Amino acid sequence: RGMNIPIFFKYIYVFAAASTWKWMYYSPNTYKELKLAKWRREGRKIPEGVVPSDAVTIKTLLTTSIPFYTLTEFMTVVVGPYF
C-alpha cells in the first residue's frame, strides 16, 4: 500500500508474491518439519538454542545457517525435481 509506484506495478507485485508464496514459505517449512520428524525417530537431540517452531523461509536459508539442512540440499531435494 505504501509503495510509491503505479498501481499496475502493485498488481504485478501481488501476482508475483501470490504465485511464489508456496515455494518461498511453505516448502522450506514443510521440509524442516520432515527433517525434525526424522531426527525424532532417530532419537537425535535438537541442538541447543534452536527453536523448532521458528519458521524457515528462503530468506532464512540465504541469510543464516540452520541445523536442519543446507540451501544446496533444499534446492536439490525439494525444488530441483520440479525443473
N, C-alpha and C. Protein backbone atom coordinates (compact mmCIF):
# COMPACT_ATOMS: atom_id res chain seq x y z
N ARG A 1 0.81 -1.20 0.00
CA ARG A 1 0.00 0.00 0.00
C ARG A 1 0.85 1.25 0.00
N GLY A 2 1.93 1.21 0.74
CA GLY A 2 2.74 2.41 0.89
C GLY A 2 3.79 2.60 -0.18
N MET A 3 3.92 1.64 -1.12
CA MET A 3 4.93 1.79 -2.17
C MET A 3 4.53 2.92 -3.11
N ASN A 4 5.48 3.74 -3.44
CA ASN A 4 5.23 4.89 -4.30
C ASN A 4 5.48 4.50 -5.76
N ILE A 5 4.65 3.59 -6.28
CA ILE A 5 4.76 3.14 -7.67
C ILE A 5 3.36 3.09 -8.28
N PRO A 6 3.27 3.05 -9.61
CA PRO A 6 1.96 2.98 -10.26
C PRO A 6 1.19 1.71 -9.85
N ILE A 7 -0.11 1.81 -9.88
CA ILE A 7 -0.98 0.71 -9.46
C ILE A 7 -0.74 -0.56 -10.28
N PHE A 8 -0.42 -0.41 -11.56
CA PHE A 8 -0.14 -1.56 -12.41
C PHE A 8 0.98 -2.41 -11.83
N PHE A 9 2.06 -1.77 -11.37
CA PHE A 9 3.20 -2.50 -10.80
C PHE A 9 2.85 -3.11 -9.45
N LYS A 10 1.95 -2.49 -8.73
CA LYS A 10 1.49 -3.08 -7.47
C LYS A 10 0.76 -4.39 -7.75
N TYR A 11 -0.07 -4.41 -8.79
CA TYR A 11 -0.76 -5.63 -9.15
C TYR A 11 0.21 -6.73 -9.59
N ILE A 12 1.23 -6.35 -10.33
CA ILE A 12 2.25 -7.32 -10.74
C ILE A 12 2.96 -7.87 -9.51
N TYR A 13 3.28 -7.02 -8.56
CA TYR A 13 3.94 -7.45 -7.33
C TYR A 13 3.05 -8.44 -6.56
N VAL A 14 1.77 -8.13 -6.42
CA VAL A 14 0.85 -9.01 -5.71
C VAL A 14 0.75 -10.36 -6.43
N PHE A 15 0.65 -10.33 -7.75
CA PHE A 15 0.58 -11.57 -8.52
C PHE A 15 1.85 -12.41 -8.32
N ALA A 16 3.02 -11.77 -8.39
CA ALA A 16 4.29 -12.50 -8.20
C ALA A 16 4.38 -13.07 -6.80
N ALA A 17 4.01 -12.30 -5.79
CA ALA A 17 4.07 -12.78 -4.41
C ALA A 17 3.11 -13.95 -4.20
N ALA A 18 1.91 -13.85 -4.74
CA ALA A 18 0.93 -14.92 -4.59
C ALA A 18 1.36 -16.18 -5.34
N SER A 19 2.03 -16.00 -6.46
CA SER A 19 2.47 -17.14 -7.27
C SER A 19 3.63 -17.90 -6.64
N THR A 20 4.43 -17.24 -5.85
CA THR A 20 5.62 -17.88 -5.29
C THR A 20 5.52 -18.13 -3.80
N TRP A 21 4.41 -17.81 -3.18
CA TRP A 21 4.27 -17.94 -1.73
C TRP A 21 4.53 -19.37 -1.27
N LYS A 22 3.98 -20.33 -1.95
CA LYS A 22 4.15 -21.72 -1.54
C LYS A 22 5.62 -22.14 -1.62
N TRP A 23 6.31 -21.71 -2.65
CA TRP A 23 7.72 -22.06 -2.81
C TRP A 23 8.60 -21.33 -1.79
N MET A 24 8.27 -20.09 -1.51
CA MET A 24 9.12 -19.28 -0.64
C MET A 24 8.89 -19.53 0.84
N TYR A 25 7.70 -19.94 1.22
CA TYR A 25 7.40 -20.10 2.64
C TYR A 25 7.06 -21.54 3.01
N TYR A 26 6.09 -22.12 2.36
CA TYR A 26 5.62 -23.43 2.79
C TYR A 26 6.61 -24.56 2.52
N SER A 27 7.25 -24.57 1.39
CA SER A 27 8.14 -25.70 1.10
C SER A 27 9.34 -25.77 2.06
N PRO A 28 10.02 -24.66 2.39
CA PRO A 28 11.11 -24.78 3.36
C PRO A 28 10.61 -25.23 4.74
N ASN A 29 9.45 -24.74 5.17
CA ASN A 29 8.92 -25.14 6.47
C ASN A 29 8.49 -26.60 6.48
N THR A 30 7.87 -27.05 5.43
CA THR A 30 7.44 -28.45 5.35
C THR A 30 8.65 -29.37 5.37
N TYR A 31 9.69 -29.01 4.65
CA TYR A 31 10.91 -29.83 4.64
C TYR A 31 11.56 -29.81 6.02
N LYS A 32 11.54 -28.68 6.70
CA LYS A 32 12.07 -28.61 8.06
C LYS A 32 11.32 -29.56 8.99
N GLU A 33 9.99 -29.58 8.88
CA GLU A 33 9.19 -30.47 9.72
C GLU A 33 9.48 -31.93 9.40
N LEU A 34 9.69 -32.24 8.14
CA LEU A 34 10.06 -33.60 7.74
C LEU A 34 11.39 -34.00 8.37
N LYS A 35 12.36 -33.10 8.31
CA LYS A 35 13.67 -33.38 8.90
C LYS A 35 13.57 -33.52 10.43
N LEU A 36 12.77 -32.66 11.07
CA LEU A 36 12.58 -32.77 12.52
C LEU A 36 11.96 -34.11 12.90
N ALA A 37 10.96 -34.54 12.15
CA ALA A 37 10.34 -35.84 12.43
C ALA A 37 11.35 -36.97 12.27
N LYS A 38 12.20 -36.88 11.28
CA LYS A 38 13.24 -37.89 11.07
C LYS A 38 14.22 -37.89 12.24
N TRP A 39 14.62 -36.70 12.70
CA TRP A 39 15.53 -36.60 13.85
C TRP A 39 14.90 -37.25 15.08
N ARG A 40 13.63 -36.98 15.30
CA ARG A 40 12.95 -37.54 16.48
C ARG A 40 12.86 -39.06 16.40
N ARG A 41 12.56 -39.60 15.21
CA ARG A 41 12.52 -41.05 15.04
C ARG A 41 13.88 -41.68 15.31
N GLU A 42 14.94 -40.99 14.90
CA GLU A 42 16.30 -41.49 15.10
C GLU A 42 16.79 -41.26 16.52
N GLY A 43 16.05 -40.49 17.31
CA GLY A 43 16.46 -40.21 18.68
C GLY A 43 17.49 -39.10 18.80
N ARG A 44 17.69 -38.35 17.74
CA ARG A 44 18.66 -37.24 17.77
C ARG A 44 18.08 -36.08 18.57
N LYS A 45 18.94 -35.38 19.25
CA LYS A 45 18.51 -34.22 20.03
C LYS A 45 18.58 -32.97 19.17
N ILE A 46 17.67 -32.06 19.43
CA ILE A 46 17.67 -30.77 18.74
C ILE A 46 18.79 -29.93 19.35
N PRO A 47 19.63 -29.33 18.52
CA PRO A 47 20.76 -28.55 19.04
C PRO A 47 20.31 -27.43 19.98
N GLU A 48 21.16 -27.12 20.92
CA GLU A 48 20.90 -26.06 21.89
C GLU A 48 20.71 -24.72 21.17
N GLY A 49 19.70 -23.98 21.57
CA GLY A 49 19.44 -22.67 21.00
C GLY A 49 18.54 -22.69 19.78
N VAL A 50 18.18 -23.87 19.29
CA VAL A 50 17.30 -23.98 18.12
C VAL A 50 15.87 -24.10 18.60
N VAL A 51 15.01 -23.25 18.06
CA VAL A 51 13.58 -23.29 18.39
C VAL A 51 12.87 -23.97 17.22
N PRO A 52 12.36 -25.20 17.43
CA PRO A 52 11.75 -25.92 16.31
C PRO A 52 10.54 -25.22 15.70
N SER A 53 9.88 -24.37 16.44
CA SER A 53 8.69 -23.70 15.89
C SER A 53 9.03 -22.47 15.04
N ASP A 54 10.28 -22.07 15.02
CA ASP A 54 10.67 -20.93 14.18
C ASP A 54 10.51 -21.28 12.71
N ALA A 55 10.03 -20.33 11.94
CA ALA A 55 9.83 -20.54 10.51
C ALA A 55 11.16 -20.56 9.77
N VAL A 56 11.24 -21.41 8.77
CA VAL A 56 12.38 -21.44 7.86
C VAL A 56 11.84 -21.02 6.50
N THR A 57 12.39 -19.95 5.95
CA THR A 57 11.97 -19.45 4.65
C THR A 57 13.19 -19.40 3.73
N ILE A 58 12.95 -19.07 2.49
CA ILE A 58 14.08 -18.91 1.56
C ILE A 58 15.03 -17.85 2.08
N LYS A 59 14.49 -16.77 2.62
CA LYS A 59 15.33 -15.71 3.18
C LYS A 59 16.19 -16.26 4.31
N THR A 60 15.62 -17.09 5.17
CA THR A 60 16.39 -17.70 6.26
C THR A 60 17.51 -18.55 5.70
N LEU A 61 17.22 -19.33 4.67
CA LEU A 61 18.24 -20.19 4.08
C LEU A 61 19.37 -19.38 3.45
N LEU A 62 19.03 -18.23 2.88
CA LEU A 62 20.05 -17.40 2.23
C LEU A 62 20.88 -16.59 3.21
N THR A 63 20.30 -16.22 4.35
CA THR A 63 21.00 -15.29 5.24
C THR A 63 21.57 -15.91 6.51
N THR A 64 21.08 -17.07 6.92
CA THR A 64 21.57 -17.67 8.16
C THR A 64 21.87 -19.14 7.94
N SER A 65 22.47 -19.74 8.94
CA SER A 65 22.74 -21.16 8.91
C SER A 65 21.74 -21.86 9.81
N ILE A 66 21.08 -22.87 9.28
CA ILE A 66 20.12 -23.62 10.09
C ILE A 66 20.63 -25.05 10.22
N PRO A 67 20.36 -25.70 11.33
CA PRO A 67 20.92 -27.04 11.55
C PRO A 67 20.20 -28.16 10.80
N PHE A 68 19.03 -27.89 10.26
CA PHE A 68 18.22 -28.95 9.67
C PHE A 68 18.71 -29.37 8.29
N TYR A 69 19.04 -28.41 7.44
CA TYR A 69 19.50 -28.70 6.11
C TYR A 69 20.13 -27.45 5.50
N THR A 70 20.84 -27.63 4.40
CA THR A 70 21.52 -26.51 3.73
C THR A 70 20.67 -26.04 2.56
N LEU A 71 21.01 -24.89 2.04
CA LEU A 71 20.33 -24.37 0.86
C LEU A 71 20.53 -25.31 -0.32
N THR A 72 21.72 -25.86 -0.45
CA THR A 72 22.01 -26.79 -1.53
C THR A 72 21.12 -28.03 -1.44
N GLU A 73 20.99 -28.60 -0.24
CA GLU A 73 20.13 -29.76 -0.06
C GLU A 73 18.68 -29.42 -0.41
N PHE A 74 18.23 -28.27 0.04
CA PHE A 74 16.85 -27.84 -0.24
C PHE A 74 16.63 -27.72 -1.75
N MET A 75 17.57 -27.10 -2.44
CA MET A 75 17.40 -26.89 -3.88
C MET A 75 17.45 -28.21 -4.66
N THR A 76 18.28 -29.15 -4.24
CA THR A 76 18.39 -30.41 -4.98
C THR A 76 17.30 -31.41 -4.62
N VAL A 77 16.86 -31.44 -3.37
CA VAL A 77 15.88 -32.43 -2.94
C VAL A 77 14.45 -31.93 -3.10
N VAL A 78 14.21 -30.67 -2.77
CA VAL A 78 12.83 -30.15 -2.75
C VAL A 78 12.47 -29.43 -4.05
N VAL A 79 13.26 -28.48 -4.45
CA VAL A 79 12.93 -27.65 -5.62
C VAL A 79 13.40 -28.28 -6.92
N GLY A 80 14.58 -28.84 -6.92
CA GLY A 80 15.20 -29.37 -8.13
C GLY A 80 14.37 -30.34 -8.94
N PRO A 81 13.71 -31.31 -8.30
CA PRO A 81 12.95 -32.28 -9.09
C PRO A 81 11.85 -31.67 -9.96
N TYR A 82 11.43 -30.47 -9.68
CA TYR A 82 10.37 -29.84 -10.47
C TYR A 82 10.88 -29.16 -11.74
N PHE A 83 12.20 -29.14 -11.91
CA PHE A 83 12.76 -28.47 -13.08
C PHE A 83 13.48 -29.43 -13.96
